Amino acid sequence: MTAEASGPRWALTLYVSGASPRSSEAIVTIRRICDEDLAGQVDLTVLNAVDHPELVKRDHILALPTLVKHSPEPLRHLVGNLTDAERVRLALDLDLATPQPSATPVVDGGSLE
């Protein structure tokens, strides 16, 4: 399967503050979302903001943790509590990529006659 056939390529950068509890929880949540929703389609970079001040400045990071969605567009910054996976999915528009259940009724073992 080609990259085009499986959907757009995602580029995410997660800026954290060392091994703080909030940063550790954000890492776990974001990695789980990448594994469950974007498997094979994502490049996730996790950076300690202290070690990469030039990238912090480039990406306009004001608070930690922050997740930056570089692609697909639009560019997004998710700031603060990144432990609620459903809220992160909504902010990344992943709910739009999930197929909705069919509206066709299912009949088990019976006849429609």
N, C-alpha and C. Protein backbone atom coordinates (compact mmCIF):
# COMPACT_ATOMS: atom_id res chain seq x y z
N MET A 1 0.85 -1.16 0.00
CA MET A 1 0.00 0.00 0.00
C MET A 1 0.90 1.23 0.00
N THR A 2 0.62 2.20 -0.84
CA THR A 2 1.43 3.40 -0.91
C THR A 2 1.01 4.40 0.14
N ALA A 3 1.87 5.40 0.40
CA ALA A 3 1.55 6.42 1.40
C ALA A 3 0.28 7.17 1.01
N GLU A 4 0.10 7.44 -0.29
CA GLU A 4 -1.09 8.16 -0.72
C GLU A 4 -2.36 7.35 -0.45
N ALA A 5 -2.28 6.05 -0.64
CA ALA A 5 -3.44 5.20 -0.46
C ALA A 5 -3.84 5.10 1.01
N SER A 6 -2.89 5.22 1.92
CA SER A 6 -3.21 5.08 3.33
C SER A 6 -3.53 6.42 3.99
N GLY A 7 -3.50 7.50 3.27
CA GLY A 7 -3.84 8.80 3.82
C GLY A 7 -2.63 9.71 3.90
N PRO A 8 -2.85 10.92 4.38
CA PRO A 8 -1.76 11.90 4.43
C PRO A 8 -0.71 11.52 5.46
N ARG A 9 0.49 11.98 5.26
CA ARG A 9 1.57 11.78 6.22
C ARG A 9 1.47 12.87 7.29
N TRP A 10 1.50 12.49 8.54
CA TRP A 10 1.40 13.42 9.65
C TRP A 10 2.80 13.71 10.20
N ALA A 11 3.04 14.96 10.56
CA ALA A 11 4.28 15.37 11.22
C ALA A 11 3.91 16.09 12.50
N LEU A 12 4.26 15.50 13.62
CA LEU A 12 3.94 16.04 14.93
C LEU A 12 5.21 16.23 15.75
N THR A 13 5.28 17.33 16.51
CA THR A 13 6.37 17.55 17.45
C THR A 13 5.75 17.81 18.81
N LEU A 14 6.18 17.02 19.79
CA LEU A 14 5.72 17.19 21.16
C LEU A 14 6.87 17.79 21.97
N TYR A 15 6.64 19.01 22.46
CA TYR A 15 7.61 19.69 23.32
C TYR A 15 7.24 19.42 24.77
N VAL A 16 8.22 18.95 25.54
CA VAL A 16 7.98 18.61 26.94
C VAL A 16 9.03 19.30 27.81
N SER A 17 8.80 19.21 29.11
CA SER A 17 9.71 19.76 30.09
C SER A 17 10.35 18.62 30.86
N GLY A 18 11.41 18.07 30.31
CA GLY A 18 12.12 16.98 30.98
C GLY A 18 11.22 15.81 31.31
N ALA A 19 11.38 15.30 32.52
CA ALA A 19 10.62 14.12 32.95
C ALA A 19 9.53 14.51 33.93
N SER A 20 8.97 15.70 33.79
CA SER A 20 7.89 16.11 34.70
C SER A 20 6.70 15.18 34.52
N PRO A 21 5.87 15.05 35.56
CA PRO A 21 4.70 14.16 35.45
C PRO A 21 3.78 14.52 34.29
N ARG A 22 3.49 15.80 34.07
CA ARG A 22 2.61 16.22 32.97
C ARG A 22 3.23 15.87 31.62
N SER A 23 4.54 16.04 31.52
CA SER A 23 5.22 15.71 30.26
C SER A 23 5.19 14.21 30.01
N SER A 24 5.45 13.44 31.04
CA SER A 24 5.42 11.97 30.90
C SER A 24 4.04 11.47 30.49
N GLU A 25 2.99 12.04 31.10
CA GLU A 25 1.63 11.65 30.74
C GLU A 25 1.29 12.06 29.31
N ALA A 26 1.76 13.24 28.89
CA ALA A 26 1.52 13.70 27.52
C ALA A 26 2.19 12.77 26.52
N ILE A 27 3.40 12.34 26.82
CA ILE A 27 4.13 11.43 25.92
C ILE A 27 3.35 10.13 25.75
N VAL A 28 2.88 9.57 26.85
CA VAL A 28 2.12 8.31 26.79
C VAL A 28 0.86 8.49 25.95
N THR A 29 0.12 9.56 26.19
CA THR A 29 -1.13 9.80 25.46
C THR A 29 -0.88 10.00 23.98
N ILE A 30 0.07 10.84 23.62
CA ILE A 30 0.33 11.14 22.21
C ILE A 30 0.85 9.90 21.50
N ARG A 31 1.73 9.14 22.12
CA ARG A 31 2.21 7.90 21.48
C ARG A 31 1.08 6.91 21.27
N ARG A 32 0.16 6.82 22.23
CA ARG A 32 -0.99 5.91 22.08
C ARG A 32 -1.86 6.35 20.90
N ILE A 33 -2.12 7.63 20.77
CA ILE A 33 -2.91 8.14 19.64
C ILE A 33 -2.20 7.84 18.33
N CYS A 34 -0.90 8.05 18.30
CA CYS A 34 -0.14 7.77 17.08
C CYS A 34 -0.22 6.28 16.71
N ASP A 35 -0.11 5.42 17.71
CA ASP A 35 -0.18 3.97 17.46
C ASP A 35 -1.57 3.53 17.04
N GLU A 36 -2.60 4.07 17.66
CA GLU A 36 -3.96 3.62 17.40
C GLU A 36 -4.59 4.26 16.18
N ASP A 37 -4.35 5.54 15.96
CA ASP A 37 -5.05 6.28 14.91
C ASP A 37 -4.20 6.61 13.69
N LEU A 38 -2.89 6.66 13.88
CA LEU A 38 -2.02 7.12 12.79
C LEU A 38 -0.90 6.13 12.48
N ALA A 39 -1.09 4.88 12.82
CA ALA A 39 -0.04 3.88 12.62
C ALA A 39 0.45 3.88 11.18
N GLY A 40 1.75 4.01 11.02
CA GLY A 40 2.36 3.99 9.69
C GLY A 40 2.21 5.29 8.91
N GLN A 41 1.57 6.29 9.51
CA GLN A 41 1.32 7.55 8.81
C GLN A 41 1.90 8.76 9.52
N VAL A 42 2.65 8.54 10.60
CA VAL A 42 3.06 9.68 11.43
C VAL A 42 4.55 9.67 11.72
N ASP A 43 5.11 10.87 11.74
CA ASP A 43 6.46 11.09 12.22
C ASP A 43 6.31 11.92 13.48
N LEU A 44 6.54 11.30 14.63
CA LEU A 44 6.43 11.97 15.91
C LEU A 44 7.82 12.24 16.45
N THR A 45 8.07 13.50 16.79
CA THR A 45 9.32 13.90 17.41
C THR A 45 9.00 14.42 18.80
N VAL A 46 9.66 13.87 19.81
CA VAL A 46 9.48 14.33 21.19
C VAL A 46 10.77 15.05 21.59
N LEU A 47 10.62 16.32 21.99
CA LEU A 47 11.77 17.14 22.32
C LEU A 47 11.66 17.73 23.71
N ASN A 48 12.76 17.69 24.45
CA ASN A 48 12.85 18.41 25.71
C ASN A 48 13.13 19.86 25.34
N ALA A 49 12.23 20.75 25.69
CA ALA A 49 12.35 22.16 25.29
C ALA A 49 13.66 22.79 25.74
N VAL A 50 14.15 22.41 26.89
CA VAL A 50 15.40 22.97 27.40
C VAL A 50 16.58 22.65 26.48
N ASP A 51 16.55 21.49 25.86
CA ASP A 51 17.66 21.06 25.00
C ASP A 51 17.58 21.63 23.59
N HIS A 52 16.44 22.24 23.21
CA HIS A 52 16.25 22.70 21.83
C HIS A 52 15.63 24.11 21.79
N PRO A 53 16.32 25.09 22.36
CA PRO A 53 15.73 26.44 22.41
C PRO A 53 15.48 27.05 21.03
N GLU A 54 16.28 26.69 20.05
CA GLU A 54 16.08 27.23 18.70
C GLU A 54 14.78 26.72 18.08
N LEU A 55 14.43 25.47 18.35
CA LEU A 55 13.17 24.91 17.84
C LEU A 55 11.97 25.45 18.61
N VAL A 56 12.15 25.69 19.91
CA VAL A 56 11.10 26.30 20.73
C VAL A 56 10.76 27.66 20.16
N LYS A 57 11.78 28.42 19.82
CA LYS A 57 11.55 29.75 19.24
C LYS A 57 10.91 29.64 17.86
N ARG A 58 11.41 28.74 17.04
CA ARG A 58 10.88 28.57 15.68
C ARG A 58 9.39 28.22 15.69
N ASP A 59 9.00 27.34 16.62
CA ASP A 59 7.61 26.87 16.67
C ASP A 59 6.73 27.70 17.61
N HIS A 60 7.28 28.80 18.14
CA HIS A 60 6.51 29.72 18.99
C HIS A 60 5.89 29.01 20.20
N ILE A 61 6.70 28.25 20.91
CA ILE A 61 6.23 27.51 22.08
C ILE A 61 6.24 28.44 23.29
N LEU A 62 5.07 28.56 23.93
CA LEU A 62 4.93 29.46 25.08
C LEU A 62 4.68 28.71 26.38
N ALA A 63 4.21 27.46 26.30
CA ALA A 63 3.91 26.67 27.50
C ALA A 63 4.22 25.21 27.18
N LEU A 64 4.40 24.43 28.24
CA LEU A 64 4.72 23.01 28.06
C LEU A 64 3.75 22.17 28.88
N PRO A 65 3.40 21.01 28.42
CA PRO A 65 3.73 20.44 27.11
C PRO A 65 2.91 21.09 25.99
N THR A 66 3.47 21.07 24.79
CA THR A 66 2.78 21.55 23.59
C THR A 66 2.99 20.56 22.47
N LEU A 67 1.91 20.22 21.78
CA LEU A 67 1.98 19.37 20.59
C LEU A 67 1.76 20.25 19.38
N VAL A 68 2.70 20.20 18.44
CA VAL A 68 2.59 20.97 17.20
C VAL A 68 2.29 20.01 16.06
N LYS A 69 1.19 20.26 15.37
CA LYS A 69 0.85 19.50 14.17
C LYS A 69 1.34 20.32 12.98
N HIS A 70 2.43 19.85 12.36
CA HIS A 70 3.00 20.54 11.20
C HIS A 70 2.25 20.18 9.92
N SER A 71 1.92 18.92 9.81
CA SER A 71 1.16 18.47 8.63
C SER A 71 0.36 17.25 9.03
N PRO A 72 -0.77 17.03 8.37
CA PRO A 72 -1.32 17.84 7.29
C PRO A 72 -1.83 19.18 7.82
N GLU A 73 -1.94 20.13 6.92
CA GLU A 73 -2.43 21.45 7.30
C GLU A 73 -3.87 21.35 7.78
N PRO A 74 -4.31 22.23 8.61
CA PRO A 74 -3.66 23.45 9.07
C PRO A 74 -2.70 23.20 10.23
N LEU A 75 -1.72 24.08 10.38
CA LEU A 75 -0.80 24.05 11.50
C LEU A 75 -1.60 24.24 12.78
N ARG A 76 -1.30 23.42 13.79
CA ARG A 76 -2.02 23.53 15.06
C ARG A 76 -1.03 23.42 16.21
N HIS A 77 -1.34 24.13 17.31
CA HIS A 77 -0.61 24.03 18.57
C HIS A 77 -1.61 23.61 19.64
N LEU A 78 -1.37 22.46 20.27
CA LEU A 78 -2.20 22.00 21.38
C LEU A 78 -1.37 22.19 22.64
N VAL A 79 -1.88 22.98 23.56
CA VAL A 79 -1.10 23.42 24.71
C VAL A 79 -1.73 22.94 26.01
N GLY A 80 -0.87 22.55 26.95
CA GLY A 80 -1.34 22.26 28.30
C GLY A 80 -1.63 20.80 28.55
N ASN A 81 -2.83 20.51 29.04
CA ASN A 81 -3.20 19.16 29.42
C ASN A 81 -3.43 18.30 28.17
N LEU A 82 -2.49 17.41 27.91
CA LEU A 82 -2.60 16.52 26.75
C LEU A 82 -2.85 15.09 27.19
N THR A 83 -3.47 14.91 28.35
CA THR A 83 -3.72 13.56 28.85
C THR A 83 -5.07 13.01 28.43
N ASP A 84 -5.98 13.86 27.98
CA ASP A 84 -7.30 13.42 27.55
C ASP A 84 -7.24 13.07 26.07
N ALA A 85 -7.11 11.79 25.77
CA ALA A 85 -6.91 11.34 24.39
C ALA A 85 -8.05 11.77 23.47
N GLU A 86 -9.28 11.74 23.95
CA GLU A 86 -10.41 12.12 23.09
C GLU A 86 -10.35 13.60 22.72
N ARG A 87 -10.00 14.45 23.67
CA ARG A 87 -9.87 15.88 23.37
C ARG A 87 -8.74 16.14 22.39
N VAL A 88 -7.63 15.41 22.53
CA VAL A 88 -6.51 15.57 21.60
C VAL A 88 -6.93 15.11 20.21
N ARG A 89 -7.64 13.98 20.13
CA ARG A 89 -8.13 13.49 18.83
C ARG A 89 -9.03 14.54 18.16
N LEU A 90 -9.93 15.14 18.94
CA LEU A 90 -10.81 16.17 18.39
C LEU A 90 -10.01 17.37 17.90
N ALA A 91 -9.04 17.80 18.67
CA ALA A 91 -8.24 18.96 18.30
C ALA A 91 -7.41 18.69 17.04
N LEU A 92 -7.05 17.44 16.83
CA LEU A 92 -6.29 17.07 15.63
C LEU A 92 -7.20 16.72 14.45
N ASP A 93 -8.50 16.80 14.65
CA ASP A 93 -9.50 16.42 13.64
C ASP A 93 -9.43 14.95 13.28
N LEU A 94 -8.99 14.13 14.20
CA LEU A 94 -8.95 12.69 13.94
C LEU A 94 -10.33 12.08 13.95
N ASP A 95 -11.29 12.72 14.62
CA ASP A 95 -12.65 12.21 14.63
C ASP A 95 -13.26 12.26 13.24
N LEU A 96 -12.80 13.18 12.39
CA LEU A 96 -13.30 13.29 11.02
C LEU A 96 -12.76 12.17 10.14
N ALA A 97 -11.59 11.64 10.50
CA ALA A 97 -10.98 10.59 9.70
C ALA A 97 -11.53 9.21 10.05
N THR A 98 -12.23 9.09 11.17
CA THR A 98 -12.77 7.81 11.61
C THR A 98 -14.07 7.53 10.89
N PRO A 99 -14.19 6.38 10.22
CA PRO A 99 -15.44 6.07 9.53
C PRO A 99 -16.60 6.00 10.51
N GLN A 100 -17.71 6.56 10.12
CA GLN A 100 -18.91 6.54 10.96
C GLN A 100 -19.66 5.23 10.71
N PRO A 101 -20.37 4.72 11.71
CA PRO A 101 -21.13 3.49 11.53
C PRO A 101 -22.21 3.68 10.47
N SER A 102 -22.50 2.60 9.81
CA SER A 102 -23.50 2.63 8.75
C SER A 102 -24.88 2.90 9.33
N ALA A 103 -25.70 3.63 8.57
CA ALA A 103 -27.07 3.92 9.01
C ALA A 103 -28.02 2.81 8.60
N THR A 104 -27.53 1.81 7.89
CA THR A 104 -28.36 0.70 7.44
C THR A 104 -28.69 -0.19 8.63
N PRO A 105 -30.00 -0.47 8.87
CA PRO A 105 -30.36 -1.32 9.99
C PRO A 105 -29.87 -2.75 9.78
N VAL A 106 -29.53 -3.38 10.89
CA VAL A 106 -29.07 -4.76 10.84
C VAL A 106 -30.17 -5.64 11.41
N VAL A 107 -30.52 -6.70 10.68
CA VAL A 107 -31.55 -7.63 11.13
C VAL A 107 -30.87 -8.97 11.38
N ASP A 108 -30.98 -9.44 12.62
CA ASP A 108 -30.34 -10.70 12.99
C ASP A 108 -31.32 -11.86 12.86
N GLY A 109 -31.00 -12.79 11.98
CA GLY A 109 -31.71 -14.05 11.88
C GLY A 109 -33.19 -13.96 11.56
N GLY A 110 -33.63 -12.86 11.03
CA GLY A 110 -35.05 -12.75 10.73
C GLY A 110 -35.27 -12.35 9.30
N SER A 111 -36.52 -12.32 8.92
CA SER A 111 -36.90 -11.96 7.57
C SER A 111 -37.61 -10.63 7.62
N LEU A 112 -37.42 -9.82 6.59
CA LEU A 112 -38.10 -8.54 6.51
C LEU A 112 -39.48 -8.68 5.92
N GLU A 113 -39.92 -9.88 5.54
CA GLU A 113 -41.23 -10.09 4.91
C GLU A 113 -42.32 -10.13 5.92
